[in-house]
N, C-alpha and C. Protein backbone atom coordinates (compact mmCIF):
# COMPACT_ATOMS: atom_id res chain seq x y z
N MET A 1 -19.85 -15.68 -20.19
CA MET A 1 -19.82 -14.30 -19.88
C MET A 1 -18.88 -13.64 -20.78
N SER A 2 -19.29 -12.58 -21.62
CA SER A 2 -18.75 -11.83 -22.92
C SER A 2 -17.32 -11.22 -22.17
N HIS A 3 -16.32 -10.94 -23.25
CA HIS A 3 -15.03 -10.21 -22.98
C HIS A 3 -15.64 -8.93 -22.27
N GLU A 4 -16.46 -8.12 -22.65
CA GLU A 4 -16.98 -6.91 -22.13
C GLU A 4 -17.31 -7.12 -20.94
N ALA A 5 -18.04 -7.76 -20.42
CA ALA A 5 -18.44 -8.04 -19.07
C ALA A 5 -17.54 -8.38 -18.17
N VAL A 6 -16.46 -9.46 -18.47
CA VAL A 6 -15.36 -9.38 -17.87
C VAL A 6 -14.36 -8.35 -17.66
N ALA A 7 -14.24 -7.48 -18.56
CA ALA A 7 -13.31 -6.55 -18.55
C ALA A 7 -14.14 -5.16 -17.80
N GLU A 8 -15.26 -4.99 -17.73
CA GLU A 8 -15.99 -4.12 -16.87
C GLU A 8 -15.88 -4.59 -15.58
N PHE A 9 -16.08 -5.85 -15.26
CA PHE A 9 -16.05 -6.42 -14.02
C PHE A 9 -14.72 -6.27 -13.24
N ALA A 10 -13.75 -6.36 -14.01
CA ALA A 10 -12.14 -6.21 -13.54
C ALA A 10 -11.92 -4.69 -13.45
N GLN A 11 -12.20 -3.74 -14.38
CA GLN A 11 -12.00 -2.53 -14.06
C GLN A 11 -12.70 -1.78 -13.02
N THR A 12 -13.78 -2.30 -12.56
CA THR A 12 -14.69 -1.87 -11.40
C THR A 12 -14.01 -2.30 -10.42
N TRP A 13 -13.80 -3.63 -10.13
CA TRP A 13 -13.33 -4.12 -8.70
C TRP A 13 -11.83 -4.11 -8.69
N GLY A 14 -11.24 -4.03 -10.05
CA GLY A 14 -9.75 -3.68 -9.51
C GLY A 14 -9.55 -2.24 -9.08
N LEU A 15 -10.28 -1.68 -9.46
CA LEU A 15 -9.83 -0.36 -8.87
C LEU A 15 -10.49 -0.25 -7.10
N VAL A 16 -11.55 -0.90 -6.96
CA VAL A 16 -11.75 -0.74 -5.60
C VAL A 16 -10.52 -1.62 -4.82
N TYR A 17 -10.13 -2.62 -5.39
CA TYR A 17 -9.08 -3.55 -4.72
C TYR A 17 -7.95 -2.59 -4.67
N LEU A 18 -7.42 -1.74 -5.50
CA LEU A 18 -6.44 -1.27 -5.61
C LEU A 18 -6.58 0.10 -4.64
N ILE A 19 -7.63 0.87 -4.51
CA ILE A 19 -7.91 1.56 -3.45
C ILE A 19 -7.49 1.37 -2.11
N ALA A 20 -8.34 0.06 -2.05
CA ALA A 20 -8.36 -0.48 -0.53
C ALA A 20 -6.63 -1.24 -0.18
N MET A 21 -6.26 -1.58 -0.99
CA MET A 21 -4.73 -1.65 -0.48
C MET A 21 -4.00 -0.30 -0.47
N PHE A 22 -4.16 0.83 -1.23
CA PHE A 22 -3.44 2.06 -0.97
C PHE A 22 -3.92 2.50 0.58
N ALA A 23 -5.20 2.26 0.84
CA ALA A 23 -5.48 2.82 2.21
C ALA A 23 -4.95 1.85 3.16
N VAL A 24 -4.71 0.35 3.02
CA VAL A 24 -3.96 -0.08 4.10
C VAL A 24 -2.57 0.03 4.19
N ALA A 25 -2.09 0.33 3.17
CA ALA A 25 -0.62 0.94 3.22
C ALA A 25 -0.22 2.01 3.70
N LEU A 26 -1.18 3.21 3.31
CA LEU A 26 -1.06 4.67 4.05
C LEU A 26 -1.29 4.42 5.35
N ALA A 27 -2.16 3.59 6.08
CA ALA A 27 -2.54 3.28 7.36
C ALA A 27 -1.33 2.87 8.09
N TYR A 28 -0.48 1.78 7.70
CA TYR A 28 0.67 1.07 7.85
C TYR A 28 1.53 2.28 8.14
N ALA A 29 1.87 2.89 7.07
CA ALA A 29 3.07 3.96 7.13
C ALA A 29 2.64 4.72 8.33
N LEU A 30 1.37 5.38 8.44
CA LEU A 30 1.50 6.47 9.26
C LEU A 30 0.84 6.17 10.80
N TRP A 31 0.76 4.75 10.88
CA TRP A 31 0.70 4.26 12.48
C TRP A 31 1.68 4.59 13.46
N PRO A 32 1.00 5.27 14.39
CA PRO A 32 1.73 5.66 15.68
C PRO A 32 3.14 4.76 15.91
N GLY A 33 2.60 3.29 16.05
CA GLY A 33 3.76 2.53 16.77
C GLY A 33 4.62 2.08 15.49
N ASN A 34 4.64 2.43 14.45
CA ASN A 34 5.68 2.10 13.40
C ASN A 34 6.74 3.50 13.38
N ARG A 35 6.56 4.47 14.19
CA ARG A 35 7.37 5.62 13.81
C ARG A 35 8.89 5.40 14.22
N ASP A 36 8.87 4.63 15.31
CA ASP A 36 10.54 4.17 15.67
C ASP A 36 11.08 3.44 14.52
N LYS A 37 10.30 2.55 14.14
CA LYS A 37 10.85 1.52 13.28
C LYS A 37 11.56 2.44 11.89
N PHE A 38 10.45 3.07 11.71
CA PHE A 38 10.74 4.03 10.30
C PHE A 38 11.90 4.99 10.19
N LYS A 39 11.93 5.45 11.67
CA LYS A 39 13.17 6.48 12.05
C LYS A 39 14.55 5.71 12.02
N ARG A 40 14.56 4.65 12.60
CA ARG A 40 15.89 3.94 12.61
C ARG A 40 15.91 3.36 10.86
N ALA A 41 15.15 3.04 10.29
CA ALA A 41 15.40 2.46 9.08
C ALA A 41 15.87 3.65 8.33
N ALA A 42 15.54 4.99 8.58
CA ALA A 42 15.96 6.27 7.74
C ALA A 42 17.39 6.32 8.30
N ARG A 43 17.62 6.09 9.52
CA ARG A 43 19.07 6.24 9.74
C ARG A 43 20.15 5.43 9.28
N LEU A 44 19.44 4.16 9.06
CA LEU A 44 20.30 3.19 8.73
C LEU A 44 21.44 3.03 7.94
N PRO A 45 21.17 3.89 6.57
CA PRO A 45 22.40 4.26 5.48
C PRO A 45 23.56 5.19 6.49
N LEU A 46 23.28 6.05 7.23
CA LEU A 46 24.11 7.07 7.85
C LEU A 46 25.16 6.38 8.97
N GLU A 47 24.77 5.17 9.34
CA GLU A 47 25.37 4.82 10.35
C GLU A 47 26.84 4.32 9.97
N GLU A 48 27.71 4.17 10.75
CA GLU A 48 28.82 3.19 10.19
C GLU A 48 29.02 2.01 10.82
N ASP A 49 29.32 1.00 10.38
CA ASP A 49 29.77 -0.34 11.35
C ASP A 49 30.59 -0.08 12.13
């Protein structure tokens, strides 16, 4: 394979991979079951020992 072919493959499928990973991270962050976990994590710096 030539360098141009490898670069084109990496650009195309790399973009698809990054978009898929972003969608997974977004779904995880917005999943209703994780709401309490994120609320606790947000309050953690404000709690005293």
